[in-house]
């Protein structure tokens, strides 16, 4: 099932079943006799990526709003590792994509923001499609990240596989350094628009976006991929989404780029006390304006405690 981005139904709480779902219900509104945990661990992402920055900002506001609760942010390779940590009980909260497999030991607290697949390549390759990257050295995301499974499926949809490219299973930060050093030809990673890693690459003036289909999203390859991978939505990276600070270079892309998006969500372990879960969600959304001033991604958040389906 796909994460229901357009629905704020607050039905009875269901387990995290197979894929990340928005399942608030009794988790947020049931009274709890449990005392608040003295320490919360948030599993985030790697250096240079949005997940780590977002988790650190969430932690900052949780510390300000949850009395007597210490909050620790731990780096990770991404969504898949975050799910594993929550399942194993070594993390209480985690950031992940809505397409990440999980089991009933997890529940979703809140939707956060849209994440977009960025596919960049050296400009001297003149690559305009995935097929132009055949035989090239491509960073496809670290093992345990949310990027790698989507890239693998996307290659297959285009009739390609890892046998047709030279894949590097590394973090986006590592990949950016290698791409700039000439050790890679291209890289794919999933992140919110405004990614620090992407800004770094664009500012070099040597990298450009590769579209995965026609910018006309109606009936094209990007729209068709949704039937193979229903957790993603077709989306456009608009012209000049990444302005450049380099002299003589306006930014990228120089024309709209077709790609895919998923939803970033905040999950928790199933047995997190209900009262504490409600306090976490309230701390985030009560402070959305202040958080958005520090990281614009937070402006996209939709408060799950506010909506036409709520009844008090």
C-alpha atoms as a PDB file:
ATOM      1  CA  UNK A   1       0.000   0.000   0.000  1.00  0.00           C
ATOM      2  CA  UNK A   2       1.045   3.562  -0.608  1.00  0.00           C
ATOM      3  CA  UNK A   3       1.323   6.135   2.136  1.00  0.00           C
ATOM      4  CA  UNK A   4      -1.984   8.044   1.894  1.00  0.00           C
ATOM      5  CA  UNK A   5      -0.666  11.567   1.424  1.00  0.00           C
ATOM      6  CA  UNK A   6      -4.086  13.049   0.850  1.00  0.00           C
ATOM      7  CA  UNK A   7      -5.868  11.532   3.832  1.00  0.00           C
ATOM      8  CA  UNK A   8      -5.868  12.368   7.519  1.00  0.00           C
ATOM      9  CA  UNK A   9      -8.201   9.634   8.710  1.00  0.00           C
ATOM     10  CA  UNK A  10      -7.888   8.943  12.423  1.00  0.00           C
ATOM     11  CA  UNK A  11      -9.248   5.437  12.687  1.00  0.00           C
ATOM     12  CA  UNK A  12      -8.243   2.828  15.242  1.00  0.00           C
ATOM     13  CA  UNK A  13      -4.498   2.336  15.372  1.00  0.00           C
ATOM     14  CA  UNK A  14      -3.203  -0.352  13.047  1.00  0.00           C
ATOM     15  CA  UNK A  15       0.263  -1.950  13.005  1.00  0.00           C
ATOM     16  CA  UNK A  16       2.945  -0.851  10.584  1.00  0.00           C
ATOM     17  CA  UNK A  17       2.149  -3.482   7.970  1.00  0.00           C
ATOM     18  CA  UNK A  18       4.652  -4.021   5.174  1.00  0.00           C
ATOM     19  CA  UNK A  19       4.988  -0.358   4.168  1.00  0.00           C
ATOM     20  CA  UNK A  20       4.909   2.888   6.102  1.00  0.00           C
ATOM     21  CA  UNK A  21       1.329   4.114   6.591  1.00  0.00           C
ATOM     22  CA  UNK A  22      -0.153   7.112   8.296  1.00  0.00           C
ATOM     23  CA  UNK A  23      -1.692   5.397  11.320  1.00  0.00           C
ATOM     24  CA  UNK A  24      -2.244   7.845  14.100  1.00  0.00           C
ATOM     25  CA  UNK A  25      -5.547   6.951  15.761  1.00  0.00           C
ATOM     26  CA  UNK A  26      -5.305   5.795  19.336  1.00  0.00           C
ATOM     27  CA  UNK A  27      -1.503   6.255  19.397  1.00  0.00           C
ATOM     28  CA  UNK A  28      -2.031   9.988  19.660  1.00  0.00           C
ATOM     29  CA  UNK A  29      -5.235  10.141  21.673  1.00  0.00           C
ATOM     30  CA  UNK A  30      -5.358   7.205  24.056  1.00  0.00           C
ATOM     31  CA  UNK A  31      -4.474   7.891  27.686  1.00  0.00           C
ATOM     32  CA  UNK A  32      -1.399   6.121  28.910  1.00  0.00           C
ATOM     33  CA  UNK A  33      -0.348   5.094  32.369  1.00  0.00           C
ATOM     34  CA  UNK A  34       3.288   4.780  31.291  1.00  0.00           C
ATOM     35  CA  UNK A  35       5.832   7.303  32.494  1.00  0.00           C
ATOM     36  CA  UNK A  36       7.760   9.194  29.854  1.00  0.00           C
ATOM     37  CA  UNK A  37      10.990   7.575  28.798  1.00  0.00           C
ATOM     38  CA  UNK A  38      13.992   9.512  30.089  1.00  0.00           C
ATOM     39  CA  UNK A  39      15.924   9.148  26.825  1.00  0.00           C
ATOM     40  CA  UNK A  40      14.882   9.049  23.181  1.00  0.00           C
ATOM     41  CA  UNK A  41      17.109   7.880  20.336  1.00  0.00           C
ATOM     42  CA  UNK A  42      16.386   9.162  16.823  1.00  0.00           C
ATOM     43  CA  UNK A  43      17.925   7.203  13.952  1.00  0.00           C
ATOM     44  CA  UNK A  44      18.582   9.675  11.146  1.00  0.00           C
ATOM     45  CA  UNK A  45      20.862   9.601   8.103  1.00  0.00           C
ATOM     46  CA  UNK A  46      24.397  10.256   6.916  1.00  0.00           C
ATOM     47  CA  UNK A  47      26.456  13.451   7.046  1.00  0.00           C
ATOM     48  CA  UNK A  48      25.583  15.899   4.299  1.00  0.00           C
ATOM     49  CA  UNK A  49      22.049  14.553   3.931  1.00  0.00           C
ATOM     50  CA  UNK A  50      18.697  16.010   4.906  1.00  0.00           C
ATOM     51  CA  UNK A  51      17.764  13.231   7.343  1.00  0.00           C
ATOM     52  CA  UNK A  52      20.593  14.063   9.730  1.00  0.00           C
ATOM     53  CA  UNK A  53      19.868  17.803   9.649  1.00  0.00           C
ATOM     54  CA  UNK A  54      16.117  17.253  10.012  1.00  0.00           C
ATOM     55  CA  UNK A  55      16.584  14.818  12.918  1.00  0.00           C
ATOM     56  CA  UNK A  56      18.901  17.234  14.708  1.00  0.00           C
ATOM     57  CA  UNK A  57      16.361  20.035  14.382  1.00  0.00           C
ATOM     58  CA  UNK A  58      13.546  17.793  15.622  1.00  0.00           C
ATOM     59  CA  UNK A  59      15.748  16.792  18.555  1.00  0.00           C
ATOM     60  CA  UNK A  60      16.425  20.450  19.354  1.00  0.00           C
ATOM     61  CA  UNK A  61      12.710  21.200  19.687  1.00  0.00           C
ATOM     62  CA  UNK A  62      11.958  17.988  21.571  1.00  0.00           C
ATOM     63  CA  UNK A  63      14.572  18.922  24.159  1.00  0.00           C
ATOM     64  CA  UNK A  64      12.926  22.327  24.556  1.00  0.00           C
ATOM     65  CA  UNK A  65       9.413  20.914  24.909  1.00  0.00           C
ATOM     66  CA  UNK A  66       9.726  17.527  26.648  1.00  0.00           C
ATOM     67  CA  UNK A  67      10.645  18.005  30.292  1.00  0.00           C
ATOM     68  CA  UNK A  68      13.043  15.418  31.671  1.00  0.00           C
ATOM     69  CA  UNK A  69      13.614  13.700  28.324  1.00  0.00           C
ATOM     70  CA  UNK A  70      17.076  13.468  26.791  1.00  0.00           C
ATOM     71  CA  UNK A  71      17.210  13.161  23.003  1.00  0.00           C
ATOM     72  CA  UNK A  72      20.084  11.597  21.072  1.00  0.00           C
ATOM     73  CA  UNK A  73      20.477  11.637  17.280  1.00  0.00           C
ATOM     74  CA  UNK A  74      22.398   8.769  15.700  1.00  0.00           C
ATOM     75  CA  UNK A  75      23.719   8.773  12.157  1.00  0.00           C
ATOM     76  CA  UNK A  76      22.707   5.928   9.854  1.00  0.00           C
ATOM     77  CA  UNK A  77      22.805   4.902   6.212  1.00  0.00           C
ATOM     78  CA  UNK A  78      19.132   5.798   5.825  1.00  0.00           C
ATOM     79  CA  UNK A  79      15.603   4.439   5.802  1.00  0.00           C
ATOM     80  CA  UNK A  80      16.245   0.692   5.793  1.00  0.00           C
ATOM     81  CA  UNK A  81      18.760   0.879   8.629  1.00  0.00           C
ATOM     82  CA  UNK A  82      16.424   3.152  10.591  1.00  0.00           C
ATOM     83  CA  UNK A  83      13.637   0.582  10.361  1.00  0.00           C
ATOM     84  CA  UNK A  84      16.009  -2.157  11.484  1.00  0.00           C
ATOM     85  CA  UNK A  85      17.144  -0.134  14.492  1.00  0.00           C
ATOM     86  CA  UNK A  86      13.564   0.499  15.601  1.00  0.00           C
ATOM     87  CA  UNK A  87      12.650  -3.158  15.094  1.00  0.00           C
ATOM     88  CA  UNK A  88      15.661  -4.204  17.187  1.00  0.00           C
ATOM     89  CA  UNK A  89      14.851  -1.720  19.937  1.00  0.00           C
ATOM     90  CA  UNK A  90      18.040   0.359  19.632  1.00  0.00           C
ATOM     91  CA  UNK A  91      16.146   3.439  18.396  1.00  0.00           C
ATOM     92  CA  UNK A  92      12.824   4.939  19.456  1.00  0.00           C
ATOM     93  CA  UNK A  93      12.213   7.173  16.455  1.00  0.00           C
ATOM     94  CA  UNK A  94      13.418   7.146  12.874  1.00  0.00           C
ATOM     95  CA  UNK A  95      13.129   9.024   9.598  1.00  0.00           C
ATOM     96  CA  UNK A  96      12.260   6.980   6.548  1.00  0.00           C
ATOM     97  CA  UNK A  97      10.657   6.973   3.138  1.00  0.00           C
ATOM     98  CA  UNK A  98       7.063   5.834   2.837  1.00  0.00           C
ATOM     99  CA  UNK A  99       8.172   2.982   0.561  1.00  0.00           C
ATOM    100  CA  UNK A 100      10.415   1.362   3.174  1.00  0.00           C
ATOM    101  CA  UNK A 101       9.492  -2.219   4.178  1.00  0.00           C
ATOM    102  CA  UNK A 102       8.760  -2.769   7.848  1.00  0.00           C
ATOM    103  CA  UNK A 103       6.689  -4.868  10.219  1.00  0.00           C
ATOM    104  CA  UNK A 104       4.188  -4.376  13.027  1.00  0.00           C
ATOM    105  CA  UNK A 105       6.866  -3.222  15.469  1.00  0.00           C
ATOM    106  CA  UNK A 106       6.687   0.260  13.909  1.00  0.00           C
ATOM    107  CA  UNK A 107       4.055   2.932  13.677  1.00  0.00           C
ATOM    108  CA  UNK A 108       4.014   6.263  11.885  1.00  0.00           C
ATOM    109  CA  UNK A 109       3.812   9.458  13.897  1.00  0.00           C
ATOM    110  CA  UNK A 110       3.620  12.102  11.183  1.00  0.00           C
ATOM    111  CA  UNK A 111       4.277  12.959   7.527  1.00  0.00           C
ATOM    112  CA  UNK A 112       7.151  15.395   7.109  1.00  0.00           C
ATOM    113  CA  UNK A 113       7.974  16.457   3.542  1.00  0.00           C
ATOM    114  CA  UNK A 114       8.326  15.352  -0.072  1.00  0.00           C
ATOM    115  CA  UNK A 115      11.588  13.716  -1.121  1.00  0.00           C
ATOM    116  CA  UNK A 116      12.770  13.748  -4.713  1.00  0.00           C
ATOM    117  CA  UNK A 117      15.052  11.426  -6.654  1.00  0.00           C
ATOM    118  CA  UNK A 118      18.056  13.465  -7.817  1.00  0.00           C
ATOM    119  CA  UNK A 119      20.021  11.984 -10.709  1.00  0.00           C
ATOM    120  CA  UNK A 120      23.127  14.003 -11.559  1.00  0.00           C
ATOM    121  CA  UNK A 121      25.959  13.363 -13.979  1.00  0.00           C
ATOM    122  CA  UNK A 122      29.091  15.083 -15.222  1.00  0.00           C
ATOM    123  CA  UNK A 123      28.127  17.597 -17.884  1.00  0.00           C
ATOM    124  CA  UNK A 124      30.852  16.366 -20.227  1.00  0.00           C
ATOM    125  CA  UNK A 125      28.947  13.075 -20.579  1.00  0.00           C
ATOM    126  CA  UNK A 126      26.038  14.877 -22.267  1.00  0.00           C
ATOM    127  CA  UNK A 127      23.699  12.347 -20.641  1.00  0.00           C
ATOM    128  CA  UNK A 128      20.008  13.013 -21.227  1.00  0.00           C
ATOM    129  CA  UNK A 129      18.562   9.670 -20.104  1.00  0.00           C
ATOM    130  CA  UNK A 130      19.333   6.620 -17.993  1.00  0.00           C
ATOM    131  CA  UNK A 131      20.427   4.737 -21.103  1.00  0.00           C
ATOM    132  CA  UNK A 132      23.188   7.293 -21.628  1.00  0.00           C
ATOM    133  CA  UNK A 133      24.660   6.076 -18.328  1.00  0.00           C
ATOM    134  CA  UNK A 134      25.142   2.500 -19.521  1.00  0.00           C
ATOM    135  CA  UNK A 135      28.668   1.357 -18.646  1.00  0.00           C
ATOM    136  CA  UNK A 136      29.226   4.361 -16.382  1.00  0.00           C
ATOM    137  CA  UNK A 137      30.268   4.505 -12.726  1.00  0.00           C
ATOM    138  CA  UNK A 138      27.128   5.417 -10.782  1.00  0.00           C
ATOM    139  CA  UNK A 139      26.548   5.838  -7.056  1.00  0.00           C
ATOM    140  CA  UNK A 140      23.182   4.185  -6.420  1.00  0.00           C
ATOM    141  CA  UNK A 141      22.874   4.777  -2.672  1.00  0.00           C
ATOM    142  CA  UNK A 142      24.308   3.023   0.347  1.00  0.00           C
ATOM    143  CA  UNK A 143      23.094  -0.423   1.324  1.00  0.00           C
ATOM    144  CA  UNK A 144      20.418   0.251   3.909  1.00  0.00           C
ATOM    145  CA  UNK A 145      19.387   3.535   2.322  1.00  0.00           C
ATOM    146  CA  UNK A 146      16.009   4.283   0.768  1.00  0.00           C
ATOM    147  CA  UNK A 147      17.634   5.318  -2.504  1.00  0.00           C
ATOM    148  CA  UNK A 148      19.165   2.008  -3.543  1.00  0.00           C
ATOM    149  CA  UNK A 149      15.947  -0.086  -3.809  1.00  0.00           C
ATOM    150  CA  UNK A 150      14.228   2.567  -5.937  1.00  0.00           C
ATOM    151  CA  UNK A 151      17.240   2.974  -8.242  1.00  0.00           C
ATOM    152  CA  UNK A 152      17.416  -0.794  -8.732  1.00  0.00           C
ATOM    153  CA  UNK A 153      13.727  -0.907  -9.688  1.00  0.00           C
ATOM    154  CA  UNK A 154      14.072   2.147 -11.919  1.00  0.00           C
ATOM    155  CA  UNK A 155      16.954   0.587 -13.856  1.00  0.00           C
ATOM    156  CA  UNK A 156      14.930  -2.595 -14.329  1.00  0.00           C
ATOM    157  CA  UNK A 157      11.952  -0.575 -15.577  1.00  0.00           C
ATOM    158  CA  UNK A 158      14.218   0.918 -18.241  1.00  0.00           C
ATOM    159  CA  UNK A 159      15.569  -2.504 -19.208  1.00  0.00           C
ATOM    160  CA  UNK A 160      18.835  -2.098 -17.312  1.00  0.00           C
ATOM    161  CA  UNK A 161      20.440  -3.714 -14.284  1.00  0.00           C
ATOM    162  CA  UNK A 162      23.532  -3.340 -12.140  1.00  0.00           C
ATOM    163  CA  UNK A 163      25.301  -5.483 -14.751  1.00  0.00           C
ATOM    164  CA  UNK A 164      24.887  -2.619 -17.215  1.00  0.00           C
ATOM    165  CA  UNK A 165      26.553  -0.029 -14.986  1.00  0.00           C
ATOM    166  CA  UNK A 166      29.325   0.061 -12.435  1.00  0.00           C
ATOM    167  CA  UNK A 167      27.375   0.650  -9.200  1.00  0.00           C
ATOM    168  CA  UNK A 168      28.865   2.211  -6.070  1.00  0.00           C
ATOM    169  CA  UNK A 169      26.948   1.550  -2.836  1.00  0.00           C
ATOM    170  CA  UNK A 170      27.960   4.629  -0.854  1.00  0.00           C
ATOM    171  CA  UNK A 171      26.316   7.556   0.909  1.00  0.00           C
ATOM    172  CA  UNK A 172      25.370  10.701  -0.987  1.00  0.00           C
ATOM    173  CA  UNK A 173      28.085  12.689   0.774  1.00  0.00           C
ATOM    174  CA  UNK A 174      30.764  10.166  -0.205  1.00  0.00           C
ATOM    175  CA  UNK A 175      29.376   9.986  -3.731  1.00  0.00           C
ATOM    176  CA  UNK A 176      29.478  13.759  -4.162  1.00  0.00           C
ATOM    177  CA  UNK A 177      33.155  13.859  -3.200  1.00  0.00           C
ATOM    178  CA  UNK A 178      33.989  11.037  -5.600  1.00  0.00           C
ATOM    179  CA  UNK A 179      31.962  12.623  -8.392  1.00  0.00           C
ATOM    180  CA  UNK A 180      33.797  15.916  -8.003  1.00  0.00           C
ATOM    181  CA  UNK A 181      37.133  14.075  -7.881  1.00  0.00           C
ATOM    182  CA  UNK A 182      36.377  12.295 -11.157  1.00  0.00           C
ATOM    183  CA  UNK A 183      36.057   8.846  -9.568  1.00  0.00           C
ATOM    184  CA  UNK A 184      32.375   8.590 -10.524  1.00  0.00           C
ATOM    185  CA  UNK A 185      30.352   9.575 -13.578  1.00  0.00           C
ATOM    186  CA  UNK A 186      26.935  10.007 -11.984  1.00  0.00           C
ATOM    187  CA  UNK A 187      25.032   9.600  -8.752  1.00  0.00           C
ATOM    188  CA  UNK A 188      21.457   9.081  -7.621  1.00  0.00           C
ATOM    189  CA  UNK A 189      20.061  10.006  -4.244  1.00  0.00           C
ATOM    190  CA  UNK A 190      16.693  10.794  -2.699  1.00  0.00           C
ATOM    191  CA  UNK A 191      16.377  14.028  -0.762  1.00  0.00           C
ATOM    192  CA  UNK A 192      14.153  17.040  -0.324  1.00  0.00           C
ATOM    193  CA  UNK A 193      14.648  19.884  -2.780  1.00  0.00           C
ATOM    194  CA  UNK A 194      17.408  22.108  -1.439  1.00  0.00           C
ATOM    195  CA  UNK A 195      19.734  19.230  -0.584  1.00  0.00           C
ATOM    196  CA  UNK A 196      23.136  20.455   0.663  1.00  0.00           C
ATOM    197  CA  UNK A 197      24.816  17.667  -1.313  1.00  0.00           C
ATOM    198  CA  UNK A 198      23.136  18.782  -4.525  1.00  0.00           C
ATOM    199  CA  UNK A 199      23.948  22.450  -3.889  1.00  0.00           C
ATOM    200  CA  UNK A 200      27.608  21.494  -3.494  1.00  0.00           C
ATOM    201  CA  UNK A 201      27.604  19.663  -6.830  1.00  0.00           C
ATOM    202  CA  UNK A 202      25.733  22.387  -8.706  1.00  0.00           C
ATOM    203  CA  UNK A 203      28.052  25.089  -7.388  1.00  0.00           C
ATOM    204  CA  UNK A 204      30.954  23.252  -9.013  1.00  0.00           C
ATOM    205  CA  UNK A 205      29.474  24.106 -12.405  1.00  0.00           C
ATOM    206  CA  UNK A 206      30.450  20.630 -13.634  1.00  0.00           C
ATOM    207  CA  UNK A 207      27.265  18.668 -12.890  1.00  0.00           C
ATOM    208  CA  UNK A 208      23.804  18.612 -14.383  1.00  0.00           C
ATOM    209  CA  UNK A 209      20.533  16.785 -13.867  1.00  0.00           C
ATOM    210  CA  UNK A 210      19.501  13.749 -15.902  1.00  0.00           C
ATOM    211  CA  UNK A 211      15.790  13.388 -16.547  1.00  0.00           C
ATOM    212  CA  UNK A 212      14.268   9.909 -16.235  1.00  0.00           C
ATOM    213  CA  UNK A 213      11.538  10.637 -18.761  1.00  0.00           C
ATOM    214  CA  UNK A 214       9.614  13.348 -20.529  1.00  0.00           C
ATOM    215  CA  UNK A 215       8.828  16.495 -18.557  1.00  0.00           C
ATOM    216  CA  UNK A 216       5.232  15.938 -19.651  1.00  0.00           C
ATOM    217  CA  UNK A 217       4.171  13.698 -16.764  1.00  0.00           C
ATOM    218  CA  UNK A 218       0.912  12.598 -18.401  1.00  0.00           C
ATOM    219  CA  UNK A 219       1.237   9.109 -19.845  1.00  0.00           C
ATOM    220  CA  UNK A 220       5.028   9.051 -20.070  1.00  0.00           C
ATOM    221  CA  UNK A 221       7.697   6.758 -18.640  1.00  0.00           C
ATOM    222  CA  UNK A 222       7.737   8.489 -15.270  1.00  0.00           C
ATOM    223  CA  UNK A 223       4.000   8.053 -14.834  1.00  0.00           C
ATOM    224  CA  UNK A 224       4.257   4.445 -15.992  1.00  0.00           C
ATOM    225  CA  UNK A 225       6.858   3.606 -13.352  1.00  0.00           C
ATOM    226  CA  UNK A 226       4.204   4.157 -10.685  1.00  0.00           C
ATOM    227  CA  UNK A 227       2.509   0.921 -11.783  1.00  0.00           C
ATOM    228  CA  UNK A 228       5.713  -0.985 -11.098  1.00  0.00           C
ATOM    229  CA  UNK A 229       6.575   0.983  -7.962  1.00  0.00           C
ATOM    230  CA  UNK A 230       3.317   2.393  -6.509  1.00  0.00           C
ATOM    231  CA  UNK A 231       4.977   4.161  -3.588  1.00  0.00           C
ATOM    232  CA  UNK A 232       6.445   6.889  -5.822  1.00  0.00           C
ATOM    233  CA  UNK A 233       4.807   9.769  -7.631  1.00  0.00           C
ATOM    234  CA  UNK A 234       5.918  11.542 -10.812  1.00  0.00           C
ATOM    235  CA  UNK A 235       7.236  15.029 -10.107  1.00  0.00           C
ATOM    236  CA  UNK A 236       9.145  17.841 -11.800  1.00  0.00           C
ATOM    237  CA  UNK A 237      12.309  19.511 -10.506  1.00  0.00           C
ATOM    238  CA  UNK A 238      11.625  23.041 -11.742  1.00  0.00           C
ATOM    239  CA  UNK A 239      14.045  25.201 -13.667  1.00  0.00           C
ATOM    240  CA  UNK A 240      16.705  26.826 -11.469  1.00  0.00           C
ATOM    241  CA  UNK A 241      15.599  24.917  -8.357  1.00  0.00           C
ATOM    242  CA  UNK A 242      19.295  24.982  -7.412  1.00  0.00           C
ATOM    243  CA  UNK A 243      20.782  28.458  -7.979  1.00  0.00           C
ATOM    244  CA  UNK A 244      24.551  28.522  -8.300  1.00  0.00           C
ATOM    245  CA  UNK A 245      26.961  30.798  -6.474  1.00  0.00           C
ATOM    246  CA  UNK A 246      29.619  30.221  -9.133  1.00  0.00           C
ATOM    247  CA  UNK A 247      30.416  33.161 -11.411  1.00  0.00           C
ATOM    248  CA  UNK A 248      28.837  32.807 -14.852  1.00  0.00           C
ATOM    249  CA  UNK A 249      26.633  29.883 -13.819  1.00  0.00           C
ATOM    250  CA  UNK A 250      22.971  30.572 -13.006  1.00  0.00           C
ATOM    251  CA  UNK A 251      22.194  27.147 -11.620  1.00  0.00           C
ATOM    252  CA  UNK A 252      20.450  23.894 -12.472  1.00  0.00           C
ATOM    253  CA  UNK A 253      18.412  22.516 -14.023  1.00  0.00           C
ATOM    254  CA  UNK A 254      18.300  24.793 -17.035  1.00  0.00           C
ATOM    255  CA  UNK A 255      14.978  23.220 -18.035  1.00  0.00           C
ATOM    256  CA  UNK A 256      12.367  21.180 -16.079  1.00  0.00           C
ATOM    257  CA  UNK A 257      13.482  17.662 -15.125  1.00  0.00           C
ATOM    258  CA  UNK A 258      11.120  14.714 -14.738  1.00  0.00           C
ATOM    259  CA  UNK A 259      11.760  12.478 -11.759  1.00  0.00           C
ATOM    260  CA  UNK A 260      10.029  10.717  -8.845  1.00  0.00           C
ATOM    261  CA  UNK A 261       9.065  11.607  -5.307  1.00  0.00           C
ATOM    262  CA  UNK A 262       8.266   9.744  -2.103  1.00  0.00           C
ATOM    263  CA  UNK A 263       7.222  10.977   1.344  1.00  0.00           C
ATOM    264  CA  UNK A 264       9.556  11.368   4.305  1.00  0.00           C
ATOM    265  CA  UNK A 265       7.842  10.317   7.516  1.00  0.00           C
ATOM    266  CA  UNK A 266       8.655  10.113  11.214  1.00  0.00           C
ATOM    267  CA  UNK A 267       8.117   6.664  12.708  1.00  0.00           C
ATOM    268  CA  UNK A 268       8.351   5.292  16.213  1.00  0.00           C
ATOM    269  CA  UNK A 269       8.502   1.917  17.927  1.00  0.00           C
ATOM    270  CA  UNK A 270       5.089   0.352  18.466  1.00  0.00           C
ATOM    271  CA  UNK A 271       5.303   0.350  22.252  1.00  0.00           C
ATOM    272  CA  UNK A 272       6.238   4.015  22.638  1.00  0.00           C
ATOM    273  CA  UNK A 273       3.919   5.310  25.402  1.00  0.00           C
ATOM    274  CA  UNK A 274       0.862   7.008  23.919  1.00  0.00           C
ATOM    275  CA  UNK A 275       1.228  10.159  25.994  1.00  0.00           C
ATOM    276  CA  UNK A 276       4.847  10.583  24.948  1.00  0.00           C
ATOM    277  CA  UNK A 277       3.945  10.010  21.277  1.00  0.00           C
ATOM    278  CA  UNK A 278       1.329  12.738  21.484  1.00  0.00           C
ATOM    279  CA  UNK A 279       3.815  15.108  23.132  1.00  0.00           C
ATOM    280  CA  UNK A 280       6.362  14.470  20.350  1.00  0.00           C
ATOM    281  CA  UNK A 281       3.873  15.257  17.590  1.00  0.00           C
ATOM    282  CA  UNK A 282       2.624  18.352  19.414  1.00  0.00           C
ATOM    283  CA  UNK A 283       6.183  19.615  19.995  1.00  0.00           C
ATOM    284  CA  UNK A 284       6.933  19.360  16.275  1.00  0.00           C
ATOM    285  CA  UNK A 285       3.766  20.906  14.878  1.00  0.00           C
ATOM    286  CA  UNK A 286       3.357  23.571  17.559  1.00  0.00           C
ATOM    287  CA  UNK A 287       6.793  24.815  16.515  1.00  0.00           C
ATOM    288  CA  UNK A 288       6.472  24.305  12.766  1.00  0.00           C
ATOM    289  CA  UNK A 289       6.916  27.992  11.916  1.00  0.00           C
ATOM    290  CA  UNK A 290      10.170  28.280  13.874  1.00  0.00           C
ATOM    291  CA  UNK A 291      11.500  25.027  12.445  1.00  0.00           C
ATOM    292  CA  UNK A 292      10.602  26.106   8.896  1.00  0.00           C
ATOM    293  CA  UNK A 293      12.644  29.284   9.332  1.00  0.00           C
ATOM    294  CA  UNK A 294      15.689  27.105  10.016  1.00  0.00           C
ATOM    295  CA  UNK A 295      14.938  24.365   7.449  1.00  0.00           C
ATOM    296  CA  UNK A 296      12.406  25.236   4.752  1.00  0.00           C
ATOM    297  CA  UNK A 297      11.451  21.558   4.344  1.00  0.00           C
ATOM    298  CA  UNK A 298       9.382  21.863   7.518  1.00  0.00           C
ATOM    299  CA  UNK A 299       7.042  24.285   5.733  1.00  0.00           C
ATOM    300  CA  UNK A 300       5.657  21.246   3.861  1.00  0.00           C
ATOM    301  CA  UNK A 301       4.476  19.423   6.982  1.00  0.00           C
ATOM    302  CA  UNK A 302       0.753  18.715   7.329  1.00  0.00           C
ATOM    303  CA  UNK A 303      -0.378  18.569  10.941  1.00  0.00           C
ATOM    304  CA  UNK A 304      -2.032  15.164  11.534  1.00  0.00           C
ATOM    305  CA  UNK A 305      -3.873  16.649  14.511  1.00  0.00           C
ATOM    306  CA  UNK A 306      -5.725  19.122  12.293  1.00  0.00           C
ATOM    307  CA  UNK A 307      -8.104  18.130   9.538  1.00  0.00           C
ATOM    308  CA  UNK A 308     -11.716  17.856   8.432  1.00  0.00           C
ATOM    309  CA  UNK A 309     -11.993  14.257   9.632  1.00  0.00           C
ATOM    310  CA  UNK A 310     -11.199  15.064  13.258  1.00  0.00           C
ATOM    311  CA  UNK A 311     -13.983  14.786  15.802  1.00  0.00           C
ATOM    312  CA  UNK A 312     -13.574  15.801  19.438  1.00  0.00           C
END
